[in-house]
Amino acid sequence: RDALRAWALAWDDGDGNADLFRPELLDDPATSVLVGRSA
């Protein structure tokens, strides 16, 4: 959940819609949320 929240906040870029991506997505075996991290 914490990693998804951080991802969603970066995706949202301050528009106020980060809650679109809910933790239930993590339980979907067909869905992979991919994250690229800086150093």
Full PDB file with SEQRES, HELIX, SHEET, SSBOND, CRYST1, ORIGX, SCALE, CONECT and MASTER records, all heavy atoms in Angstrom:
SEQRES   1 A   39  ARG ASP ALA LEU ARG ALA TRP ALA LEU ALA TRP ASP ASP          
SEQRES   2 A   39  GLY ASP GLY ASN ALA ASP LEU PHE ARG PRO GLU LEU LEU          
SEQRES   3 A   39  ASP ASP PRO ALA THR SER VAL LEU VAL GLY ARG SER ALA          
HELIX    1 AA1 ASP A    2  ASP A   12  1                                  11    
HELIX    2 AA2 ALA A   18  LEU A   20  5                                   3    
HELIX    3 AA3 PRO A   23  ASP A   27  5                                   5    
CRYST1    1.000    1.000    1.000  90.00  90.00  90.00 P 1           1          
ORIGX1      1.000000  0.000000  0.000000        0.00000                         
ORIGX2      0.000000  1.000000  0.000000        0.00000                         
ORIGX3      0.000000  0.000000  1.000000        0.00000                         
SCALE1      1.000000  0.000000  0.000000        0.00000                         
SCALE2      0.000000  1.000000  0.000000        0.00000                         
SCALE3      0.000000  0.000000  1.000000        0.00000                         
ATOM      1  N   ARG A   1       0.813  -1.213   0.000  1.00  0.00           N  
ATOM      2  CA  ARG A   1       0.000   0.000   0.000  1.00  0.00           C  
ATOM      3  C   ARG A   1       0.849   1.266   0.000  1.00  0.00           C  
ATOM      4  O   ARG A   1       0.542   2.228  -0.704  1.00  0.00           O  
ATOM      5  CB  ARG A   1      -0.930   0.006   1.216  1.00  0.00           C  
ATOM      6  CG  ARG A   1      -2.051  -1.010   1.150  1.00  0.00           C  
ATOM      7  CD  ARG A   1      -2.765  -1.116   2.482  1.00  0.00           C  
ATOM      8  NE  ARG A   1      -3.890  -2.036   2.408  1.00  0.00           N  
ATOM      9  CZ  ARG A   1      -5.171  -1.666   2.478  1.00  0.00           C  
ATOM     10  NH1 ARG A   1      -5.475  -0.399   2.653  1.00  0.00           N  
ATOM     11  NH2 ARG A   1      -6.140  -2.555   2.395  1.00  0.00           N  
ATOM     12  N   ASP A   2       1.884   1.285   0.812  1.00  0.00           N  
ATOM     13  CA  ASP A   2       2.705   2.494   0.905  1.00  0.00           C  
ATOM     14  C   ASP A   2       3.395   2.793  -0.417  1.00  0.00           C  
ATOM     15  O   ASP A   2       3.463   3.955  -0.850  1.00  0.00           O  
ATOM     16  CB  ASP A   2       3.739   2.347   2.023  1.00  0.00           C  
ATOM     17  CG  ASP A   2       3.114   2.346   3.412  1.00  0.00           C  
ATOM     18  OD1 ASP A   2       1.948   2.777   3.539  1.00  0.00           O  
ATOM     19  OD2 ASP A   2       3.788   1.908   4.363  1.00  0.00           O  
ATOM     20  N   ALA A   3       3.910   1.751  -1.066  1.00  0.00           N  
ATOM     21  CA  ALA A   3       4.567   1.958  -2.355  1.00  0.00           C  
ATOM     22  C   ALA A   3       3.564   2.398  -3.411  1.00  0.00           C  
ATOM     23  O   ALA A   3       3.869   3.246  -4.264  1.00  0.00           O  
ATOM     24  CB  ALA A   3       5.274   0.679  -2.795  1.00  0.00           C  
ATOM     25  N   LEU A   4       2.346   1.835  -3.367  1.00  0.00           N  
ATOM     26  CA  LEU A   4       1.315   2.253  -4.321  1.00  0.00           C  
ATOM     27  C   LEU A   4       0.935   3.711  -4.097  1.00  0.00           C  
ATOM     28  O   LEU A   4       0.731   4.466  -5.064  1.00  0.00           O  
ATOM     29  CB  LEU A   4       0.083   1.360  -4.189  1.00  0.00           C  
ATOM     30  CG  LEU A   4      -1.078   1.683  -5.142  1.00  0.00           C  
ATOM     31  CD1 LEU A   4      -0.649   1.505  -6.592  1.00  0.00           C  
ATOM     32  CD2 LEU A   4      -2.297   0.816  -4.828  1.00  0.00           C  
ATOM     33  N   ARG A   5       0.845   4.119  -2.841  1.00  0.00           N  
ATOM     34  CA  ARG A   5       0.498   5.518  -2.556  1.00  0.00           C  
ATOM     35  C   ARG A   5       1.578   6.470  -3.081  1.00  0.00           C  
ATOM     36  O   ARG A   5       1.267   7.500  -3.685  1.00  0.00           O  
ATOM     37  CB  ARG A   5       0.315   5.701  -1.044  1.00  0.00           C  
ATOM     38  CG  ARG A   5      -0.100   7.109  -0.641  1.00  0.00           C  
ATOM     39  CD  ARG A   5      -1.455   7.457  -1.217  1.00  0.00           C  
ATOM     40  NE  ARG A   5      -1.880   8.789  -0.796  1.00  0.00           N  
ATOM     41  CZ  ARG A   5      -2.988   9.388  -1.236  1.00  0.00           C  
ATOM     42  NH1 ARG A   5      -3.774   8.765  -2.105  1.00  0.00           N  
ATOM     43  NH2 ARG A   5      -3.323  10.597  -0.814  1.00  0.00           N  
ATOM     44  N   ALA A   6       2.837   6.109  -2.876  1.00  0.00           N  
ATOM     45  CA  ALA A   6       3.922   6.949  -3.384  1.00  0.00           C  
ATOM     46  C   ALA A   6       3.887   7.022  -4.902  1.00  0.00           C  
ATOM     47  O   ALA A   6       4.084   8.096  -5.500  1.00  0.00           O  
ATOM     48  CB  ALA A   6       5.262   6.405  -2.894  1.00  0.00           C  
ATOM     49  N   TRP A   7       3.621   5.871  -5.535  1.00  0.00           N  
ATOM     50  CA  TRP A   7       3.514   5.829  -7.004  1.00  0.00           C  
ATOM     51  C   TRP A   7       2.367   6.721  -7.474  1.00  0.00           C  
ATOM     52  O   TRP A   7       2.515   7.509  -8.418  1.00  0.00           O  
ATOM     53  CB  TRP A   7       3.282   4.387  -7.439  1.00  0.00           C  
ATOM     54  CG  TRP A   7       3.198   4.133  -8.903  1.00  0.00           C  
ATOM     55  CD1 TRP A   7       4.192   3.692  -9.715  1.00  0.00           C  
ATOM     56  CD2 TRP A   7       2.032   4.286  -9.746  1.00  0.00           C  
ATOM     57  NE1 TRP A   7       3.736   3.554 -11.013  1.00  0.00           N  
ATOM     58  CE2 TRP A   7       2.414   3.919 -11.053  1.00  0.00           C  
ATOM     59  CE3 TRP A   7       0.730   4.690  -9.518  1.00  0.00           C  
ATOM     60  CZ2 TRP A   7       1.524   3.951 -12.124  1.00  0.00           C  
ATOM     61  CZ3 TRP A   7      -0.157   4.732 -10.587  1.00  0.00           C  
ATOM     62  CH2 TRP A   7       0.239   4.369 -11.867  1.00  0.00           C  
ATOM     63  N   ALA A   8       1.204   6.600  -6.823  1.00  0.00           N  
ATOM     64  CA  ALA A   8       0.018   7.355  -7.237  1.00  0.00           C  
ATOM     65  C   ALA A   8       0.221   8.852  -7.068  1.00  0.00           C  
ATOM     66  O   ALA A   8      -0.224   9.646  -7.900  1.00  0.00           O  
ATOM     67  CB  ALA A   8      -1.201   6.892  -6.450  1.00  0.00           C  
ATOM     68  N   LEU A   9       0.894   9.255  -6.007  1.00  0.00           N  
ATOM     69  CA  LEU A   9       1.155  10.684  -5.804  1.00  0.00           C  
ATOM     70  C   LEU A   9       2.083  11.229  -6.888  1.00  0.00           C  
ATOM     71  O   LEU A   9       1.899  12.358  -7.361  1.00  0.00           O  
ATOM     72  CB  LEU A   9       1.760  10.911  -4.417  1.00  0.00           C  
ATOM     73  CG  LEU A   9       0.786  10.751  -3.241  1.00  0.00           C  
ATOM     74  CD1 LEU A   9       1.546  10.717  -1.927  1.00  0.00           C  
ATOM     75  CD2 LEU A   9      -0.245  11.889  -3.237  1.00  0.00           C  
ATOM     76  N   ALA A  10       3.073  10.443  -7.293  1.00  0.00           N  
ATOM     77  CA  ALA A  10       3.961  10.879  -8.376  1.00  0.00           C  
ATOM     78  C   ALA A  10       3.218  10.932  -9.701  1.00  0.00           C  
ATOM     79  O   ALA A  10       3.377  11.879 -10.483  1.00  0.00           O  
ATOM     80  CB  ALA A  10       5.158   9.934  -8.470  1.00  0.00           C  
ATOM     81  N   TRP A  11       2.395   9.918  -9.970  1.00  0.00           N  
ATOM     82  CA  TRP A  11       1.578   9.897 -11.191  1.00  0.00           C  
ATOM     83  C   TRP A  11       0.649  11.099 -11.235  1.00  0.00           C  
ATOM     84  O   TRP A  11       0.473  11.743 -12.279  1.00  0.00           O  
ATOM     85  CB  TRP A  11       0.777   8.605 -11.231  1.00  0.00           C  
ATOM     86  CG  TRP A  11      -0.345   8.576 -12.232  1.00  0.00           C  
ATOM     87  CD1 TRP A  11      -0.261   8.209 -13.542  1.00  0.00           C  
ATOM     88  CD2 TRP A  11      -1.712   8.946 -12.014  1.00  0.00           C  
ATOM     89  NE1 TRP A  11      -1.482   8.325 -14.155  1.00  0.00           N  
ATOM     90  CE2 TRP A  11      -2.400   8.776 -13.234  1.00  0.00           C  
ATOM     91  CE3 TRP A  11      -2.418   9.402 -10.902  1.00  0.00           C  
ATOM     92  CZ2 TRP A  11      -3.759   9.061 -13.372  1.00  0.00           C  
ATOM     93  CZ3 TRP A  11      -3.776   9.675 -11.023  1.00  0.00           C  
ATOM     94  CH2 TRP A  11      -4.423   9.501 -12.249  1.00  0.00           C  
ATOM     95  N   ASP A  12       0.037  11.431 -10.111  1.00  0.00           N  
ATOM     96  CA  ASP A  12      -0.963  12.489 -10.036  1.00  0.00           C  
ATOM     97  C   ASP A  12      -0.364  13.883 -10.208  1.00  0.00           C  
ATOM     98  O   ASP A  12      -1.015  14.784 -10.736  1.00  0.00           O  
ATOM     99  CB  ASP A  12      -1.685  12.392  -8.687  1.00  0.00           C  
ATOM    100  CG  ASP A  12      -2.759  13.443  -8.532  1.00  0.00           C  
ATOM    101  OD1 ASP A  12      -3.730  13.425  -9.320  1.00  0.00           O  
ATOM    102  OD2 ASP A  12      -2.642  14.291  -7.621  1.00  0.00           O  
ATOM    103  N   ASP A  13       0.845  14.079  -9.741  1.00  0.00           N  
ATOM    104  CA  ASP A  13       1.553  15.358  -9.888  1.00  0.00           C  
ATOM    105  C   ASP A  13       0.764  16.534  -9.308  1.00  0.00           C  
ATOM    106  O   ASP A  13       0.700  17.612  -9.900  1.00  0.00           O  
ATOM    107  CB  ASP A  13       1.884  15.611 -11.362  1.00  0.00           C  
ATOM    108  CG  ASP A  13       2.904  16.732 -11.555  1.00  0.00           C  
ATOM    109  OD1 ASP A  13       3.702  16.976 -10.625  1.00  0.00           O  
ATOM    110  OD2 ASP A  13       2.891  17.378 -12.624  1.00  0.00           O  
ATOM    111  N   GLY A  14       0.118  16.297  -8.162  1.00  0.00           N  
ATOM    112  CA  GLY A  14      -0.541  17.381  -7.464  1.00  0.00           C  
ATOM    113  C   GLY A  14      -1.947  17.714  -7.906  1.00  0.00           C  
ATOM    114  O   GLY A  14      -2.527  18.708  -7.452  1.00  0.00           O  
ATOM    115  N   ASP A  15      -2.554  16.907  -8.774  1.00  0.00           N  
ATOM    116  CA  ASP A  15      -3.899  17.211  -9.268  1.00  0.00           C  
ATOM    117  C   ASP A  15      -5.008  16.810  -8.291  1.00  0.00           C  
ATOM    118  O   ASP A  15      -6.179  17.126  -8.510  1.00  0.00           O  
ATOM    119  CB  ASP A  15      -4.150  16.523 -10.616  1.00  0.00           C  
ATOM    120  CG  ASP A  15      -3.373  17.178 -11.750  1.00  0.00           C  
ATOM    121  OD1 ASP A  15      -2.946  18.332 -11.591  1.00  0.00           O  
ATOM    122  OD2 ASP A  15      -3.198  16.526 -12.796  1.00  0.00           O  
ATOM    123  N   GLY A  16      -4.660  16.062  -7.255  1.00  0.00           N  
ATOM    124  CA  GLY A  16      -5.652  15.693  -6.253  1.00  0.00           C  
ATOM    125  C   GLY A  16      -6.423  14.419  -6.545  1.00  0.00           C  
ATOM    126  O   GLY A  16      -7.456  14.167  -5.922  1.00  0.00           O  
ATOM    127  N   ASN A  17      -5.910  13.595  -7.463  1.00  0.00           N  
ATOM    128  CA  ASN A  17      -6.637  12.376  -7.843  1.00  0.00           C  
ATOM    129  C   ASN A  17      -5.850  11.099  -7.563  1.00  0.00           C  
ATOM    130  O   ASN A  17      -6.121  10.057  -8.160  1.00  0.00           O  
ATOM    131  CB  ASN A  17      -7.000  12.432  -9.328  1.00  0.00           C  
ATOM    132  CG  ASN A  17      -7.922  13.597  -9.645  1.00  0.00           C  
ATOM    133  OD1 ASN A  17      -8.904  13.811  -8.935  1.00  0.00           O  
ATOM    134  ND2 ASN A  17      -7.615  14.343 -10.684  1.00  0.00           N  
ATOM    135  N   ALA A  18      -4.896  11.164  -6.645  1.00  0.00           N  
ATOM    136  CA  ALA A  18      -4.075   9.989  -6.347  1.00  0.00           C  
ATOM    137  C   ALA A  18      -4.890   8.834  -5.777  1.00  0.00           C  
ATOM    138  O   ALA A  18      -4.496   7.668  -5.904  1.00  0.00           O  
ATOM    139  CB  ALA A  18      -2.947  10.368  -5.386  1.00  0.00           C  
ATOM    140  N   ASP A  19      -6.040   9.137  -5.165  1.00  0.00           N  
ATOM    141  CA  ASP A  19      -6.875   8.078  -4.590  1.00  0.00           C  
ATOM    142  C   ASP A  19      -7.513   7.189  -5.656  1.00  0.00           C  
ATOM    143  O   ASP A  19      -8.142   6.182  -5.314  1.00  0.00           O  
ATOM    144  CB  ASP A  19      -7.978   8.679  -3.718  1.00  0.00           C  
ATOM    145  CG  ASP A  19      -7.437   9.277  -2.436  1.00  0.00           C  
ATOM    146  OD1 ASP A  19      -6.303   8.917  -2.056  1.00  0.00           O  
ATOM    147  OD2 ASP A  19      -8.133  10.112  -1.815  1.00  0.00           O  
ATOM    148  N   LEU A  20      -7.352   7.537  -6.922  1.00  0.00           N  
ATOM    149  CA  LEU A  20      -7.873   6.697  -7.998  1.00  0.00           C  
ATOM    150  C   LEU A  20      -7.301   5.284  -7.909  1.00  0.00           C  
ATOM    151  O   LEU A  20      -7.989   4.306  -8.184  1.00  0.00           O  
ATOM    152  CB  LEU A  20      -7.527   7.332  -9.354  1.00  0.00           C  
ATOM    153  CG  LEU A  20      -7.955   6.585 -10.605  1.00  0.00           C  
ATOM    154  CD1 LEU A  20      -9.472   6.513 -10.700  1.00  0.00           C  
ATOM    155  CD2 LEU A  20      -7.387   7.266 -11.859  1.00  0.00           C  
ATOM    156  N   PHE A  21      -6.033   5.171  -7.525  1.00  0.00           N  
ATOM    157  CA  PHE A  21      -5.360   3.881  -7.468  1.00  0.00           C  
ATOM    158  C   PHE A  21      -5.455   3.322  -6.054  1.00  0.00           C  
ATOM    159  O   PHE A  21      -4.743   3.748  -5.154  1.00  0.00           O  
ATOM    160  CB  PHE A  21      -3.902   4.018  -7.922  1.00  0.00           C  
ATOM    161  CG  PHE A  21      -3.788   4.332  -9.382  1.00  0.00           C  
ATOM    162  CD1 PHE A  21      -3.777   5.649  -9.826  1.00  0.00           C  
ATOM    163  CD2 PHE A  21      -3.724   3.321 -10.326  1.00  0.00           C  
ATOM    164  CE1 PHE A  21      -3.696   5.947 -11.178  1.00  0.00           C  
ATOM    165  CE2 PHE A  21      -3.643   3.613 -11.681  1.00  0.00           C  
ATOM    166  CZ  PHE A  21      -3.635   4.925 -12.106  1.00  0.00           C  
ATOM    167  N   ARG A  22      -6.343   2.369  -5.888  1.00  0.00           N  
ATOM    168  CA  ARG A  22      -6.652   1.809  -4.578  1.00  0.00           C  
ATOM    169  C   ARG A  22      -5.889   0.506  -4.329  1.00  0.00           C  
ATOM    170  O   ARG A  22      -5.519  -0.192  -5.274  1.00  0.00           O  
ATOM    171  CB  ARG A  22      -8.159   1.570  -4.463  1.00  0.00           C  
ATOM    172  CG  ARG A  22      -8.950   2.868  -4.524  1.00  0.00           C  
ATOM    173  CD  ARG A  22     -10.429   2.626  -4.285  1.00  0.00           C  
ATOM    174  NE  ARG A  22     -11.152   3.894  -4.189  1.00  0.00           N  
ATOM    175  CZ  ARG A  22     -12.459   3.978  -3.974  1.00  0.00           C  
ATOM    176  NH1 ARG A  22     -13.183   2.877  -3.831  1.00  0.00           N  
ATOM    177  NH2 ARG A  22     -13.036   5.163  -3.894  1.00  0.00           N  
ATOM    178  N   PRO A  23      -5.671   0.169  -3.058  1.00  0.00           N  
ATOM    179  CA  PRO A  23      -4.912  -1.047  -2.727  1.00  0.00           C  
ATOM    180  C   PRO A  23      -5.497  -2.329  -3.304  1.00  0.00           C  
ATOM    181  O   PRO A  23      -4.766  -3.305  -3.503  1.00  0.00           O  
ATOM    182  CB  PRO A  23      -4.937  -1.066  -1.194  1.00  0.00           C  
ATOM    183  CG  PRO A  23      -5.112   0.365  -0.797  1.00  0.00           C  
ATOM    184  CD  PRO A  23      -5.988   0.971  -1.857  1.00  0.00           C  
ATOM    185  N   GLU A  24      -6.799  -2.351  -3.581  1.00  0.00           N  
ATOM    186  CA  GLU A  24      -7.412  -3.548  -4.160  1.00  0.00           C  
ATOM    187  C   GLU A  24      -6.745  -3.959  -5.471  1.00  0.00           C  
ATOM    188  O   GLU A  24      -6.767  -5.147  -5.835  1.00  0.00           O  
ATOM    189  CB  GLU A  24      -8.906  -3.317  -4.383  1.00  0.00           C  
ATOM    190  CG  GLU A  24      -9.742  -3.292  -3.115  1.00  0.00           C  
ATOM    191  CD  GLU A  24      -9.729  -1.946  -2.403  1.00  0.00           C  
ATOM    192  OE1 GLU A  24      -8.997  -1.023  -2.839  1.00  0.00           O  
ATOM    193  OE2 GLU A  24     -10.441  -1.828  -1.392  1.00  0.00           O  
ATOM    194  N   LEU A  25      -6.143  -3.013  -6.192  1.00  0.00           N  
ATOM    195  CA  LEU A  25      -5.456  -3.350  -7.438  1.00  0.00           C  
ATOM    196  C   LEU A  25      -4.300  -4.317  -7.208  1.00  0.00           C  
ATOM    197  O   LEU A  25      -3.943  -5.099  -8.092  1.00  0.00           O  
ATOM    198  CB  LEU A  25      -4.932  -2.079  -8.112  1.00  0.00           C  
ATOM    199  CG  LEU A  25      -5.947  -1.196  -8.834  1.00  0.00           C  
ATOM    200  CD1 LEU A  25      -5.284   0.084  -9.295  1.00  0.00           C  
ATOM    201  CD2 LEU A  25      -6.572  -1.933 -10.011  1.00  0.00           C  
ATOM    202  N   LEU A  26      -3.702  -4.255  -6.023  1.00  0.00           N  
ATOM    203  CA  LEU A  26      -2.560  -5.110  -5.725  1.00  0.00           C  
ATOM    204  C   LEU A  26      -2.947  -6.584  -5.657  1.00  0.00           C  
ATOM    205  O   LEU A  26      -2.085  -7.457  -5.745  1.00  0.00           O  
ATOM    206  CB  LEU A  26      -1.917  -4.676  -4.409  1.00  0.00           C  
ATOM    207  CG  LEU A  26      -1.390  -3.233  -4.365  1.00  0.00           C  
ATOM    208  CD1 LEU A  26      -0.890  -2.897  -2.974  1.00  0.00           C  
ATOM    209  CD2 LEU A  26      -0.303  -3.006  -5.397  1.00  0.00           C  
ATOM    210  N   ASP A  27      -4.238  -6.853  -5.496  1.00  0.00           N  
ATOM    211  CA  ASP A  27      -4.717  -8.233  -5.420  1.00  0.00           C  
ATOM    212  C   ASP A  27      -5.094  -8.811  -6.777  1.00  0.00           C  
ATOM    213  O   ASP A  27      -5.478  -9.986  -6.868  1.00  0.00           O  
ATOM    214  CB  ASP A  27      -5.937  -8.316  -4.487  1.00  0.00           C  
ATOM    215  CG  ASP A  27      -5.605  -7.911  -3.065  1.00  0.00           C  
ATOM    216  OD1 ASP A  27      -4.477  -8.188  -2.624  1.00  0.00           O  
ATOM    217  OD2 ASP A  27      -6.475  -7.300  -2.406  1.00  0.00           O  
ATOM    218  N   ASP A  28      -4.992  -8.012  -7.832  1.00  0.00           N  
ATOM    219  CA  ASP A  28      -5.364  -8.462  -9.171  1.00  0.00           C  
ATOM    220  C   ASP A  28      -4.152  -9.113  -9.833  1.00  0.00           C  
ATOM    221  O   ASP A  28      -3.165  -8.431 -10.127  1.00  0.00           O  
ATOM    222  CB  ASP A  28      -5.844  -7.274  -9.993  1.00  0.00           C  
ATOM    223  CG  ASP A  28      -6.284  -7.675 -11.392  1.00  0.00           C  
ATOM    224  OD1 ASP A  28      -6.222  -8.887 -11.724  1.00  0.00           O  
ATOM    225  OD2 ASP A  28      -6.678  -6.785 -12.165  1.00  0.00           O  
ATOM    226  N   PRO A  29      -4.171 -10.418 -10.093  1.00  0.00           N  
ATOM    227  CA  PRO A  29      -2.990 -11.082 -10.653  1.00  0.00           C  
ATOM    228  C   PRO A  29      -2.637 -10.637 -12.065  1.00  0.00           C  
ATOM    229  O   PRO A  29      -1.496 -10.850 -12.509  1.00  0.00           O  
ATOM    230  CB  PRO A  29      -3.371 -12.565 -10.620  1.00  0.00           C  
ATOM    231  CG  PRO A  29      -4.868 -12.582 -10.619  1.00  0.00           C  
ATOM    232  CD  PRO A  29      -5.274 -11.366  -9.845  1.00  0.00           C  
ATOM    233  N   ALA A  30      -3.577 -10.019 -12.780  1.00  0.00           N  
ATOM    234  CA  ALA A  30      -3.301  -9.574 -14.147  1.00  0.00           C  
ATOM    235  C   ALA A  30      -2.724  -8.162 -14.203  1.00  0.00           C  
ATOM    236  O   ALA A  30      -2.332  -7.707 -15.280  1.00  0.00           O  
ATOM    237  CB  ALA A  30      -4.574  -9.636 -14.988  1.00  0.00           C  
ATOM    238  N   THR A  31      -2.682  -7.472 -13.071  1.00  0.00           N  
ATOM    239  CA  THR A  31      -2.242  -6.081 -13.038  1.00  0.00           C  
ATOM    240  C   THR A  31      -0.900  -5.958 -12.336  1.00  0.00           C  
ATOM    241  O   THR A  31      -0.734  -6.439 -11.218  1.00  0.00           O  
ATOM    242  CB  THR A  31      -3.274  -5.197 -12.309  1.00  0.00           C  
ATOM    243  OG1 THR A  31      -4.515  -5.259 -13.011  1.00  0.00           O  
ATOM    244  CG2 THR A  31      -2.806  -3.755 -12.238  1.00  0.00           C  
ATOM    245  N   SER A  32       0.047  -5.296 -13.008  1.00  0.00           N  
ATOM    246  CA  SER A  32       1.349  -4.994 -12.406  1.00  0.00           C  
ATOM    247  C   SER A  32       1.573  -3.486 -12.474  1.00  0.00           C  
ATOM    248  O   SER A  32       1.615  -2.916 -13.571  1.00  0.00           O  
ATOM    249  CB  SER A  32       2.481  -5.714 -13.151  1.00  0.00           C  
ATOM    250  OG  SER A  32       2.319  -7.115 -13.114  1.00  0.00           O  
ATOM    251  N   VAL A  33       1.683  -2.863 -11.315  1.00  0.00           N  
ATOM    252  CA  VAL A  33       2.012  -1.441 -11.266  1.00  0.00           C  
ATOM    253  C   VAL A  33       3.529  -1.337 -11.251  1.00  0.00           C  
ATOM    254  O   VAL A  33       4.195  -1.808 -10.316  1.00  0.00           O  
ATOM    255  CB  VAL A  33       1.393  -0.773 -10.021  1.00  0.00           C  
ATOM    256  CG1 VAL A  33       1.765   0.712  -9.988  1.00  0.00           C  
ATOM    257  CG2 VAL A  33      -0.118  -0.939 -10.018  1.00  0.00           C  
ATOM    258  N   LEU A  34       4.093  -0.755 -12.301  1.00  0.00           N  
ATOM    259  CA  LEU A  34       5.536  -0.691 -12.486  1.00  0.00           C  
ATOM    260  C   LEU A  34       6.070   0.652 -12.003  1.00  0.00           C  
ATOM    261  O   LEU A  34       5.491   1.696 -12.306  1.00  0.00           O  
ATOM    262  CB  LEU A  34       5.880  -0.877 -13.965  1.00  0.00           C  
ATOM    263  CG  LEU A  34       5.289  -2.109 -14.656  1.00  0.00           C  
ATOM    264  CD1 LEU A  34       5.623  -2.086 -16.142  1.00  0.00           C  
ATOM    265  CD2 LEU A  34       5.798  -3.384 -14.001  1.00  0.00           C  
ATOM    266  N   VAL A  35       7.178   0.621 -11.294  1.00  0.00           N  
ATOM    267  CA  VAL A  35       7.768   1.850 -10.776  1.00  0.00           C  
ATOM    268  C   VAL A  35       9.248   1.904 -11.137  1.00  0.00           C  
ATOM    269  O   VAL A  35       9.971   0.915 -11.007  1.00  0.00           O  
ATOM    270  CB  VAL A  35       7.580   1.962  -9.238  1.00  0.00           C  
ATOM    271  CG1 VAL A  35       8.191   0.772  -8.506  1.00  0.00           C  
ATOM    272  CG2 VAL A  35       8.120   3.277  -8.705  1.00  0.00           C  
ATOM    273  N   GLY A  36       9.684   3.056 -11.617  1.00  0.00           N  
ATOM    274  CA  GLY A  36      11.095   3.331 -11.837  1.00  0.00           C  
ATOM    275  C   GLY A  36      11.575   4.291 -10.767  1.00  0.00           C  
ATOM    276  O   GLY A  36      10.925   5.317 -10.516  1.00  0.00           O  
ATOM    277  N   ARG A  37      12.674   3.953 -10.127  1.00  0.00           N  
ATOM    278  CA  ARG A  37      13.161   4.769  -9.011  1.00  0.00           C  
ATOM    279  C   ARG A  37      14.506   5.405  -9.343  1.00  0.00           C  
ATOM    280  O   ARG A  37      15.358   4.797  -9.998  1.00  0.00           O  
ATOM    281  CB  ARG A  37      13.292   3.924  -7.744  1.00  0.00           C  
ATOM    282  CG  ARG A  37      11.977   3.321  -7.268  1.00  0.00           C  
ATOM    283  CD  ARG A  37      12.141   2.654  -5.914  1.00  0.00           C  
ATOM    284  NE  ARG A  37      10.925   1.967  -5.500  1.00  0.00           N  
ATOM    285  CZ  ARG A  37       9.888   2.562  -4.930  1.00  0.00           C  
ATOM    286  NH1 ARG A  37       9.939   3.873  -4.685  1.00  0.00           N  
ATOM    287  NH2 ARG A  37       8.807   1.872  -4.581  1.00  0.00           N  
ATOM    288  N   SER A  38      14.682   6.613  -8.857  1.00  0.00           N  
ATOM    289  CA  SER A  38      15.952   7.313  -8.990  1.00  0.00           C  
ATOM    290  C   SER A  38      16.955   6.727  -7.997  1.00  0.00           C  
ATOM    291  O   SER A  38      16.613   5.877  -7.161  1.00  0.00           O  
ATOM    292  CB  SER A  38      15.747   8.804  -8.731  1.00  0.00           C  
ATOM    293  OG  SER A  38      15.215   9.004  -7.431  1.00  0.00           O  
ATOM    294  N   ALA A  39      18.190   7.198  -8.071  1.00  0.00           N  
ATOM    295  CA  ALA A  39      19.242   6.664  -7.207  1.00  0.00           C  
ATOM    296  C   ALA A  39      18.937   6.871  -5.730  1.00  0.00           C  
ATOM    297  O   ALA A  39      19.391   6.096  -4.883  1.00  0.00           O  
ATOM    298  CB  ALA A  39      20.575   7.311  -7.573  1.00  0.00           C  
TER     299      ALA A  39                                                      
MASTER        0    0    0    3    0    0    0    6  298    1    0    3          
END                                                                             
